[in-house]
Amino acid sequence: MLTQLASLAVLGSLVAAAPSTIQPIKRDSGVYANCRSFNADVYAQTSQNVDLKSVIGGPPPNQQVLVESSIQQFAAGSTVMQQIMNATKIPVNGTYNLFFEYCEPKNGNISGIFQTHHGLVGNAGYWNVQLDNSPNNSFAESAAAAGWATLSYDRLGVGRSAKPDGTNIVQISYEAAQSVSIAQALRAGNLSDVGKFNKIVGVGHSYGSNLLTGVASLAPKAFDALVLTGFTNNATQGPLGLAAFQSTIASVAYPARFASDANDYVITPSVSVDQTGFFHYPNYTNGSLEFFTNNKGEYTLGQQNTIAAPLQLKNNYTSPVLVVTGEYDAPYCAANCYVTSSSSSSSSNSTAPMTSMNGTMAGNSSSSSSRPSQLDTAKALYPSSSNFQTYVVPDTAHGINYHTTAYGAYQRIIQFVKSANV
């Protein structure tokens, strides 16, 4: 786990290049949303990336070297993470091309926009999952039905976005700076032609939630509220944590899809690994696991090794925060969010209200009948939030959007945003 990051020297802004070509995205079902995709150049800078190459070296020459490196990192008594903590900070700046998907209500009445951030193994499509000729797994569709637009993007190093150095550049600190630049562009109205927005809610999943926790510390006014899915402050260190992803060089695991990726771009290697990390049987349709595996995205060793950095920041974020995590989330709850650890009590001294909704949307006050969960540990990361709530999605694992409970989770999110008067 990395030491505390300092503030970004300059958060950057979107580069106003020539207008992006906008093409409609074909969907099997688009009941409430009109969606389109575009690419845009985004400038950002940070002085808080770490010289990861000084610890793990450059891209591994082959899969055997990567496996041995992973064993050394997760072995008992390993000092690798301590070495990363102590690694020299390095500045990173530049303009990179990112792929965006923008969805808006078909009726044209827009209350605000959700700026989403997918996790490791994901991509922009995580927020617009189309399964079984139904819109129920699509967050973008539920948002549009409620009058909200959605902006999703392949984060740096993923899918259709630029893929620079995957060790020292594509790290979570630089991505946090990019997220702020995108939010600034939305408020200014100069991101392609999607318009100007006064209400922006940051939504994250897994790594994307960690990223938003960094944004909340570095630029607390970037988002009017935060929704953190697939998230707690109890990231699993055991066999169901990052080690369970069995990170494999992407071009080795899926050469047809990732042949051009450098060896510091990795991915989960099989359907079984994907099920372990993201799914709870049998609460998903027959096609969802296969769809996930066929459409998943790569991630970098830089991202994997800096994922915890934002959790060390001092956070004075005062706006509403909702944490939404599956009951059987493996990476963040060791597959049982109701088995709490002693760290859950760390939030008890906070003066802000904390509510664990656990299947029903509760109000803005704690309740003695609320069932404690590991989601409560995230309160310690947001001690100044005026409205902190949690929702445990029943019978669901880490990949919420692929479960049959996804629609219900989306409705909780929308209800929270409305009740918080964002």
Protein backbone atom coordinates (compact mmCIF):
# COMPACT_ATOMS: atom_id res chain seq x y z
CA MET A 1 0.00 0.00 0.00
CA LEU A 2 1.38 3.32 -0.97
CA THR A 3 2.05 6.27 1.24
CA GLN A 4 -0.07 9.39 1.16
CA LEU A 5 -0.17 11.25 -2.10
CA ALA A 6 0.27 14.98 -2.23
CA SER A 7 -2.09 17.32 -4.04
CA LEU A 8 -1.90 17.41 -7.77
CA ALA A 9 0.25 20.30 -8.87
CA VAL A 10 -2.01 21.10 -11.80
CA LEU A 11 -5.08 19.02 -12.49
CA GLY A 12 -5.14 19.85 -16.16
CA SER A 13 -7.96 20.48 -18.59
CA LEU A 14 -9.35 18.98 -21.74
CA VAL A 15 -7.46 19.88 -24.89
CA ALA A 16 -9.82 21.52 -27.35
CA ALA A 17 -8.79 19.72 -30.50
CA ALA A 18 -10.71 19.41 -33.74
CA PRO A 19 -14.30 18.18 -33.26
CA SER A 20 -14.42 14.43 -32.67
CA THR A 21 -16.22 12.17 -35.12
CA ILE A 22 -19.41 10.96 -33.46
CA GLN A 23 -20.95 7.70 -34.58
CA PRO A 24 -24.04 5.96 -33.22
CA ILE A 25 -23.48 2.77 -31.24
CA LYS A 26 -25.64 -0.15 -32.34
CA ARG A 27 -27.48 -1.75 -29.43
CA ASP A 28 -29.65 -4.82 -29.16
CA SER A 29 -31.97 -2.86 -26.90
CA GLY A 30 -32.10 0.86 -26.24
CA VAL A 31 -35.39 1.51 -24.54
CA TYR A 32 -34.73 4.77 -22.72
CA ALA A 33 -31.31 5.97 -23.88
CA ASN A 34 -29.76 7.29 -27.05
CA CYS A 35 -26.04 6.49 -27.02
CA ARG A 36 -23.11 7.50 -29.16
CA SER A 37 -19.35 7.15 -28.97
CA PHE A 38 -16.47 9.50 -29.65
CA ASN A 39 -12.78 9.91 -28.95
CA ALA A 40 -11.28 12.97 -27.28
CA ASP A 41 -7.81 14.08 -26.23
CA VAL A 42 -7.50 14.64 -22.48
CA TYR A 43 -4.58 16.45 -20.84
CA ALA A 44 -3.66 15.83 -17.21
CA GLN A 45 -0.61 15.89 -14.99
CA THR A 46 0.46 14.65 -11.60
CA SER A 47 3.66 14.55 -9.59
CA GLN A 48 2.52 11.53 -7.60
CA ASN A 49 3.06 8.47 -9.79
CA VAL A 50 5.73 6.15 -8.44
CA ASP A 51 8.83 4.76 -10.10
CA LEU A 52 7.45 1.25 -10.18
CA LYS A 53 10.14 0.08 -12.59
CA SER A 54 12.72 0.57 -9.85
CA VAL A 55 10.87 -2.09 -7.84
CA ILE A 56 9.45 -4.63 -10.30
CA GLY A 57 11.47 -3.80 -13.40
CA GLY A 58 10.03 -3.17 -16.83
CA PRO A 59 7.47 -5.32 -18.64
CA PRO A 60 8.10 -9.00 -17.82
CA PRO A 61 9.81 -10.79 -20.71
CA ASN A 62 7.43 -13.74 -20.47
CA GLN A 63 4.59 -15.24 -18.45
CA GLN A 64 6.87 -17.34 -16.27
CA VAL A 65 8.66 -14.24 -15.03
CA LEU A 66 5.33 -12.54 -14.30
CA VAL A 67 4.08 -15.54 -12.31
CA GLU A 68 7.24 -15.68 -10.23
CA SER A 69 7.05 -11.94 -9.64
CA SER A 70 3.46 -12.33 -8.41
CA ILE A 71 4.46 -15.16 -6.07
CA GLN A 72 7.22 -13.00 -4.59
CA GLN A 73 4.82 -10.10 -4.14
CA PHE A 74 2.12 -12.08 -2.32
CA ALA A 75 4.44 -14.40 -0.38
CA ALA A 76 4.51 -14.36 3.41
CA GLY A 77 7.05 -11.83 4.60
CA SER A 78 7.27 -10.12 1.21
CA THR A 79 8.62 -6.57 1.25
CA VAL A 80 7.55 -5.74 -2.30
CA MET A 81 4.64 -3.51 -1.26
CA GLN A 82 6.87 -1.72 1.24
CA GLN A 83 9.35 -1.08 -1.54
CA ILE A 84 6.55 0.37 -3.67
CA MET A 85 5.54 2.56 -0.73
CA ASN A 86 9.06 3.94 -0.56
CA ALA A 87 9.61 4.27 -4.31
CA THR A 88 10.52 7.68 -5.70
CA LYS A 89 7.63 9.84 -6.88
CA ILE A 90 7.79 10.79 -10.55
CA PRO A 91 5.94 13.48 -12.55
CA VAL A 92 3.69 12.39 -15.40
CA ASN A 93 1.96 14.71 -17.82
CA GLY A 94 0.61 14.53 -21.32
CA THR A 95 -2.35 14.36 -23.63
CA TYR A 96 -3.88 10.97 -24.34
CA ASN A 97 -6.77 9.94 -26.54
CA LEU A 98 -9.66 8.31 -24.70
CA PHE A 99 -12.73 6.47 -25.97
CA PHE A 100 -16.06 7.74 -24.59
CA GLU A 101 -19.63 6.52 -24.67
CA TYR A 102 -22.32 9.11 -23.97
CA CYS A 103 -25.94 8.14 -23.30
CA GLU A 104 -28.82 10.55 -22.75
CA PRO A 105 -32.57 10.20 -22.17
CA LYS A 106 -34.57 9.81 -25.34
CA ASN A 107 -37.07 12.39 -24.14
CA GLY A 108 -34.36 15.06 -24.04
CA ASN A 109 -34.98 16.13 -20.44
CA ILE A 110 -31.67 15.82 -18.58
CA SER A 111 -31.33 16.42 -14.83
CA GLY A 112 -27.58 15.82 -14.66
CA ILE A 113 -24.87 13.37 -15.65
CA PHE A 114 -23.21 10.32 -14.13
CA GLN A 115 -19.48 10.24 -14.93
CA THR A 116 -18.56 6.58 -14.57
CA HIS A 117 -15.25 4.82 -13.91
CA HIS A 118 -14.97 1.08 -14.52
CA GLY A 119 -12.73 -1.30 -12.62
CA LEU A 120 -9.91 -3.64 -13.53
CA VAL A 121 -10.98 -6.19 -16.17
CA GLY A 122 -13.73 -3.75 -17.21
CA ASN A 123 -14.25 -1.10 -19.86
CA ALA A 124 -16.85 1.51 -20.80
CA GLY A 125 -19.30 -1.26 -21.66
CA TYR A 126 -19.63 -2.22 -17.99
CA TRP A 127 -22.13 0.61 -17.60
CA ASN A 128 -24.26 -0.37 -20.60
CA VAL A 129 -24.48 -4.16 -20.41
CA GLN A 130 -26.98 -5.54 -22.90
CA LEU A 131 -28.12 -9.07 -22.03
CA ASP A 132 -31.10 -11.20 -23.04
CA ASN A 133 -32.73 -8.43 -25.08
CA SER A 134 -33.41 -6.48 -21.89
CA PRO A 135 -32.19 -3.12 -20.60
CA ASN A 136 -32.19 -4.30 -16.97
CA ASN A 137 -28.43 -4.83 -16.74
CA SER A 138 -27.64 -1.43 -18.23
CA PHE A 139 -26.91 1.34 -15.76
CA ALA A 140 -27.12 3.84 -18.63
CA GLU A 141 -30.66 2.72 -19.42
CA SER A 142 -31.84 3.02 -15.82
CA ALA A 143 -30.19 6.43 -15.54
CA ALA A 144 -31.86 7.62 -18.76
CA ALA A 145 -35.25 6.39 -17.54
CA ALA A 146 -34.74 8.60 -14.48
CA GLY A 147 -33.74 11.62 -16.58
CA TRP A 148 -29.95 11.39 -16.21
CA ALA A 149 -27.24 11.19 -18.84
CA THR A 150 -24.23 8.87 -18.49
CA LEU A 151 -20.65 9.40 -19.64
CA SER A 152 -18.52 6.27 -19.62
CA TYR A 153 -15.03 5.80 -21.00
CA ASP A 154 -12.33 3.22 -21.49
CA ARG A 155 -9.85 4.37 -18.89
CA LEU A 156 -6.29 5.01 -20.00
CA GLY A 157 -4.64 1.78 -21.12
CA VAL A 158 -7.92 -0.02 -21.74
CA GLY A 159 -9.67 -1.09 -24.92
CA ARG A 160 -10.06 1.70 -27.43
CA SER A 161 -8.14 4.32 -25.42
CA ALA A 162 -4.41 5.08 -25.67
CA LYS A 163 -1.98 2.54 -24.23
CA PRO A 164 1.21 4.22 -23.05
CA ASP A 165 3.82 2.78 -20.67
CA GLY A 166 1.85 0.36 -18.52
CA THR A 167 4.22 0.42 -15.59
CA ASN A 168 5.16 4.02 -14.78
CA ILE A 169 2.48 6.05 -16.63
CA VAL A 170 -0.81 4.15 -16.39
CA GLN A 171 -1.21 4.37 -12.61
CA ILE A 172 -4.11 5.43 -10.44
CA SER A 173 -2.73 8.89 -9.53
CA TYR A 174 -2.52 9.97 -13.16
CA GLU A 175 -5.95 8.53 -13.86
CA ALA A 176 -7.41 10.53 -10.98
CA ALA A 177 -6.04 13.67 -12.63
CA GLN A 178 -7.65 12.62 -15.92
CA SER A 179 -11.01 12.11 -14.18
CA VAL A 180 -10.86 15.66 -12.84
CA SER A 181 -10.02 17.01 -16.30
CA ILE A 182 -13.04 15.24 -17.76
CA ALA A 183 -15.35 16.60 -15.05
CA GLN A 184 -14.00 20.10 -15.64
CA ALA A 185 -14.69 19.72 -19.35
CA LEU A 186 -18.26 18.62 -18.65
CA ARG A 187 -18.88 21.67 -16.47
CA ALA A 188 -17.35 23.95 -19.11
CA GLY A 189 -19.27 22.31 -21.94
CA ASN A 190 -16.23 21.57 -24.10
CA LEU A 191 -16.15 17.77 -24.18
CA SER A 192 -17.12 16.97 -27.77
CA ASP A 193 -20.75 18.08 -28.21
CA VAL A 194 -22.31 16.48 -25.12
CA GLY A 195 -23.17 19.86 -23.64
CA LYS A 196 -22.64 21.64 -20.35
CA PHE A 197 -23.57 20.08 -17.02
CA ASN A 198 -24.03 21.70 -13.62
CA LYS A 199 -24.76 18.43 -11.81
CA ILE A 200 -22.14 15.70 -12.03
CA VAL A 201 -22.18 12.54 -9.94
CA GLY A 202 -19.04 10.41 -9.94
CA VAL A 203 -19.74 6.69 -10.14
CA GLY A 204 -17.05 4.05 -9.76
CA HIS A 205 -16.68 0.32 -9.67
CA SER A 206 -13.84 -1.42 -7.79
CA TYR A 207 -10.60 0.24 -9.02
CA GLY A 208 -12.82 3.04 -10.30
CA SER A 209 -14.15 3.59 -6.78
CA ASN A 210 -10.61 3.73 -5.42
CA LEU A 211 -9.82 6.26 -8.14
CA LEU A 212 -12.79 8.44 -7.13
CA THR A 213 -11.64 8.32 -3.53
CA GLY A 214 -8.44 9.92 -4.77
CA VAL A 215 -10.39 12.55 -6.71
CA ALA A 216 -12.44 13.33 -3.59
CA SER A 217 -9.22 14.15 -1.75
CA LEU A 218 -7.46 16.05 -4.51
CA ALA A 219 -10.41 17.91 -6.06
CA PRO A 220 -13.39 17.70 -3.68
CA LYS A 221 -15.54 20.00 -5.80
CA ALA A 222 -15.21 17.92 -8.96
CA PHE A 223 -18.32 15.84 -8.19
CA ASP A 224 -21.57 16.79 -6.46
CA ALA A 225 -21.94 13.28 -5.04
CA LEU A 226 -20.16 9.94 -5.24
CA VAL A 227 -21.48 6.43 -5.80
CA LEU A 228 -18.84 3.80 -5.05
CA THR A 229 -19.75 0.29 -6.18
CA GLY A 230 -17.83 -2.93 -5.57
CA PHE A 231 -15.99 -1.18 -2.75
CA THR A 232 -15.08 -1.22 0.93
CA ASN A 233 -12.02 -0.19 2.92
CA ASN A 234 -11.28 -3.89 3.50
CA ALA A 235 -9.69 -4.96 0.23
CA THR A 236 -9.03 -8.68 0.43
CA GLN A 237 -5.39 -9.70 0.82
CA GLY A 238 -5.94 -13.47 0.78
CA PRO A 239 -6.74 -15.99 -1.97
CA LEU A 240 -9.83 -14.08 -3.11
CA GLY A 241 -8.00 -10.77 -3.56
CA LEU A 242 -5.85 -9.56 -6.44
CA ALA A 243 -3.91 -12.81 -6.36
CA ALA A 244 -7.09 -14.60 -7.45
CA PHE A 245 -7.08 -12.59 -10.70
CA GLN A 246 -4.05 -14.66 -11.78
CA SER A 247 -2.79 -11.71 -13.83
CA THR A 248 -1.63 -13.02 -17.19
CA ILE A 249 0.09 -11.14 -20.00
CA ALA A 250 -2.89 -10.11 -22.13
CA SER A 251 -1.25 -11.01 -25.44
CA VAL A 252 -0.55 -14.49 -24.05
CA ALA A 253 -4.02 -15.10 -22.62
CA TYR A 254 -5.97 -13.75 -25.61
CA PRO A 255 -3.61 -13.21 -28.55
CA ALA A 256 -6.40 -12.53 -31.02
CA ARG A 257 -7.58 -9.53 -29.00
CA PHE A 258 -4.41 -8.18 -27.40
CA ALA A 259 -1.53 -9.12 -29.69
CA SER A 260 -0.27 -5.53 -29.86
CA ASP A 261 -0.28 -4.93 -26.08
CA ALA A 262 3.05 -4.69 -24.26
CA ASN A 263 3.82 -7.29 -21.61
CA ASP A 264 2.91 -4.97 -18.74
CA TYR A 265 -0.70 -5.14 -19.93
CA VAL A 266 -2.38 -8.09 -18.20
CA ILE A 267 -5.79 -9.73 -17.85
CA THR A 268 -7.63 -12.53 -16.07
CA PRO A 269 -6.91 -15.74 -18.02
CA SER A 270 -10.11 -17.82 -17.90
CA VAL A 271 -13.85 -18.08 -17.37
CA SER A 272 -13.30 -19.80 -14.01
CA VAL A 273 -11.14 -16.93 -12.75
CA ASP A 274 -13.78 -14.46 -13.92
CA GLN A 275 -16.48 -16.38 -12.05
CA THR A 276 -14.39 -16.44 -8.88
CA GLY A 277 -13.71 -12.72 -8.96
CA PHE A 278 -16.99 -11.30 -10.20
CA PHE A 279 -19.96 -13.70 -10.05
CA HIS A 280 -22.23 -15.37 -7.49
CA TYR A 281 -23.86 -18.54 -8.75
CA PRO A 282 -26.67 -18.89 -9.71
CA ASN A 283 -27.78 -15.24 -9.58
CA TYR A 284 -26.90 -14.44 -13.19
CA THR A 285 -28.21 -15.56 -16.54
CA ASN A 286 -26.54 -18.28 -18.57
CA GLY A 287 -25.11 -15.81 -21.06
CA SER A 288 -23.78 -13.18 -18.67
CA LEU A 289 -20.58 -14.96 -17.61
CA GLU A 290 -19.68 -15.78 -21.21
CA PHE A 291 -20.49 -12.21 -22.24
CA PHE A 292 -18.26 -10.87 -19.46
CA THR A 293 -15.30 -13.03 -20.50
CA ASN A 294 -15.68 -12.23 -24.19
CA ASN A 295 -15.83 -8.47 -23.59
CA LYS A 296 -13.55 -7.87 -20.60
CA GLY A 297 -10.72 -5.37 -20.73
CA GLU A 298 -7.05 -5.47 -19.93
CA TYR A 299 -5.30 -3.63 -17.10
CA THR A 300 -1.71 -2.65 -16.39
CA LEU A 301 0.84 -3.64 -13.80
CA GLY A 302 0.98 0.05 -12.92
CA GLN A 303 -2.71 0.03 -12.06
CA GLN A 304 -2.53 -3.25 -10.19
CA ASN A 305 0.33 -2.05 -8.00
CA THR A 306 -1.04 1.42 -7.18
CA ILE A 307 -4.72 0.59 -6.63
CA ALA A 308 -4.57 1.26 -2.88
CA ALA A 309 -2.80 4.63 -3.09
CA PRO A 310 -5.92 6.87 -2.80
CA LEU A 311 -7.01 5.09 0.37
CA GLN A 312 -4.07 6.70 2.18
CA LEU A 313 -5.10 10.26 1.40
CA LYS A 314 -6.57 12.72 3.88
CA ASN A 315 -10.15 13.24 2.73
CA ASN A 316 -12.29 16.30 3.46
CA TYR A 317 -15.04 15.50 0.96
CA THR A 318 -18.32 16.87 2.34
CA SER A 319 -20.87 15.89 -0.32
CA PRO A 320 -23.10 12.76 -0.27
CA VAL A 321 -21.52 9.32 -0.65
CA LEU A 322 -23.23 6.00 -1.34
CA VAL A 323 -21.37 2.67 -1.22
CA VAL A 324 -23.05 -0.19 -3.12
CA THR A 325 -21.42 -3.62 -2.91
CA GLY A 326 -22.57 -7.18 -3.51
CA GLU A 327 -23.16 -9.39 -0.49
CA TYR A 328 -20.63 -11.94 -1.78
CA ASP A 329 -18.02 -9.56 -3.15
CA ALA A 330 -14.74 -11.48 -3.28
CA PRO A 331 -12.06 -8.78 -3.79
CA TYR A 332 -13.44 -6.34 -1.20
CA CYS A 333 -15.27 -8.55 1.31
CA ALA A 334 -13.55 -11.96 0.99
CA ALA A 335 -16.90 -13.18 -0.40
CA ASN A 336 -19.00 -12.30 2.65
CA CYS A 337 -19.66 -8.64 3.37
CA TYR A 338 -21.57 -9.44 6.57
CA VAL A 339 -18.50 -10.91 8.25
CA THR A 340 -17.10 -7.72 9.71
CA SER A 341 -13.60 -7.03 10.96
CA SER A 342 -12.43 -4.96 13.89
CA SER A 343 -11.67 -2.15 11.45
CA SER A 344 -15.41 -1.57 11.10
CA SER A 345 -15.35 0.22 14.45
CA SER A 346 -12.89 2.77 13.11
CA SER A 347 -15.75 4.84 11.76
CA SER A 348 -17.69 4.99 15.01
CA ASN A 349 -16.14 8.26 16.14
CA SER A 350 -17.28 10.14 13.06
CA THR A 351 -19.95 12.78 13.55
CA ALA A 352 -21.56 12.35 10.13
CA PRO A 353 -24.53 9.95 9.89
CA MET A 354 -23.87 6.48 8.52
CA THR A 355 -26.64 4.23 7.24
CA SER A 356 -26.37 0.61 6.16
CA MET A 357 -29.43 0.02 4.01
CA ASN A 358 -29.02 -3.73 3.50
CA GLY A 359 -31.83 -4.26 1.05
CA THR A 360 -34.00 -1.25 1.89
CA MET A 361 -33.22 2.37 1.26
CA ALA A 362 -32.86 4.02 4.62
CA GLY A 363 -32.84 7.63 5.61
CA ASN A 364 -29.96 9.90 6.55
CA SER A 365 -29.49 8.59 10.05
CA SER A 366 -28.05 5.48 11.59
CA SER A 367 -30.41 2.82 12.86
CA SER A 368 -29.86 0.30 15.65
CA SER A 369 -31.57 -2.33 13.48
CA SER A 370 -29.16 -1.87 10.59
CA ARG A 371 -26.98 -4.91 10.07
CA PRO A 372 -23.26 -4.09 10.17
CA SER A 373 -21.27 -4.90 7.08
CA GLN A 374 -17.80 -4.38 5.71
CA LEU A 375 -19.18 -1.52 3.63
CA ASP A 376 -19.25 0.49 6.87
CA THR A 377 -15.44 0.55 6.86
CA ALA A 378 -15.53 2.97 3.92
CA LYS A 379 -16.92 5.62 6.26
CA ALA A 380 -13.44 6.12 7.68
CA LEU A 381 -12.37 7.32 4.22
CA TYR A 382 -15.12 9.96 4.15
CA PRO A 383 -15.32 11.33 7.69
CA SER A 384 -16.67 14.72 6.57
CA SER A 385 -19.42 13.51 4.23
CA SER A 386 -22.76 15.14 5.04
CA ASN A 387 -24.68 12.05 3.96
CA PHE A 388 -22.95 8.66 3.96
CA GLN A 389 -24.99 5.57 3.16
CA THR A 390 -24.38 1.96 2.18
CA TYR A 391 -26.38 -0.67 0.36
CA VAL A 392 -25.52 -4.37 0.34
CA VAL A 393 -26.86 -5.94 -2.85
CA PRO A 394 -28.25 -9.35 -1.88
CA ASP A 395 -27.12 -12.58 -3.58
CA THR A 396 -24.57 -10.67 -5.65
CA ALA A 397 -20.80 -10.73 -6.08
CA HIS A 398 -18.29 -8.13 -7.28
CA GLY A 399 -19.59 -7.67 -10.83
CA ILE A 400 -22.94 -6.23 -9.82
CA ASN A 401 -23.98 -5.19 -13.32
CA TYR A 402 -23.95 -8.77 -14.60
CA HIS A 403 -26.30 -10.17 -11.95
CA THR A 404 -30.07 -10.40 -12.00
CA THR A 405 -30.07 -7.94 -9.08
CA ALA A 406 -28.44 -5.19 -11.15
CA TYR A 407 -31.68 -3.32 -11.88
CA GLY A 408 -32.56 -3.15 -8.19
CA ALA A 409 -29.10 -1.81 -7.38
CA TYR A 410 -29.49 0.90 -10.03
CA GLN A 411 -32.79 1.98 -8.52
CA ARG A 412 -31.14 2.36 -5.12
CA ILE A 413 -28.49 4.58 -6.68
CA ILE A 414 -31.05 6.75 -8.44
CA GLN A 415 -33.18 7.00 -5.30
CA PHE A 416 -30.12 8.07 -3.30
CA VAL A 417 -29.22 10.80 -5.79
CA LYS A 418 -32.79 12.12 -5.78
CA SER A 419 -33.13 12.01 -1.99
CA ALA A 420 -29.78 13.78 -1.60
CA ASN A 421 -31.08 16.65 -3.75
CA VAL A 422 -28.07 16.56 -6.01
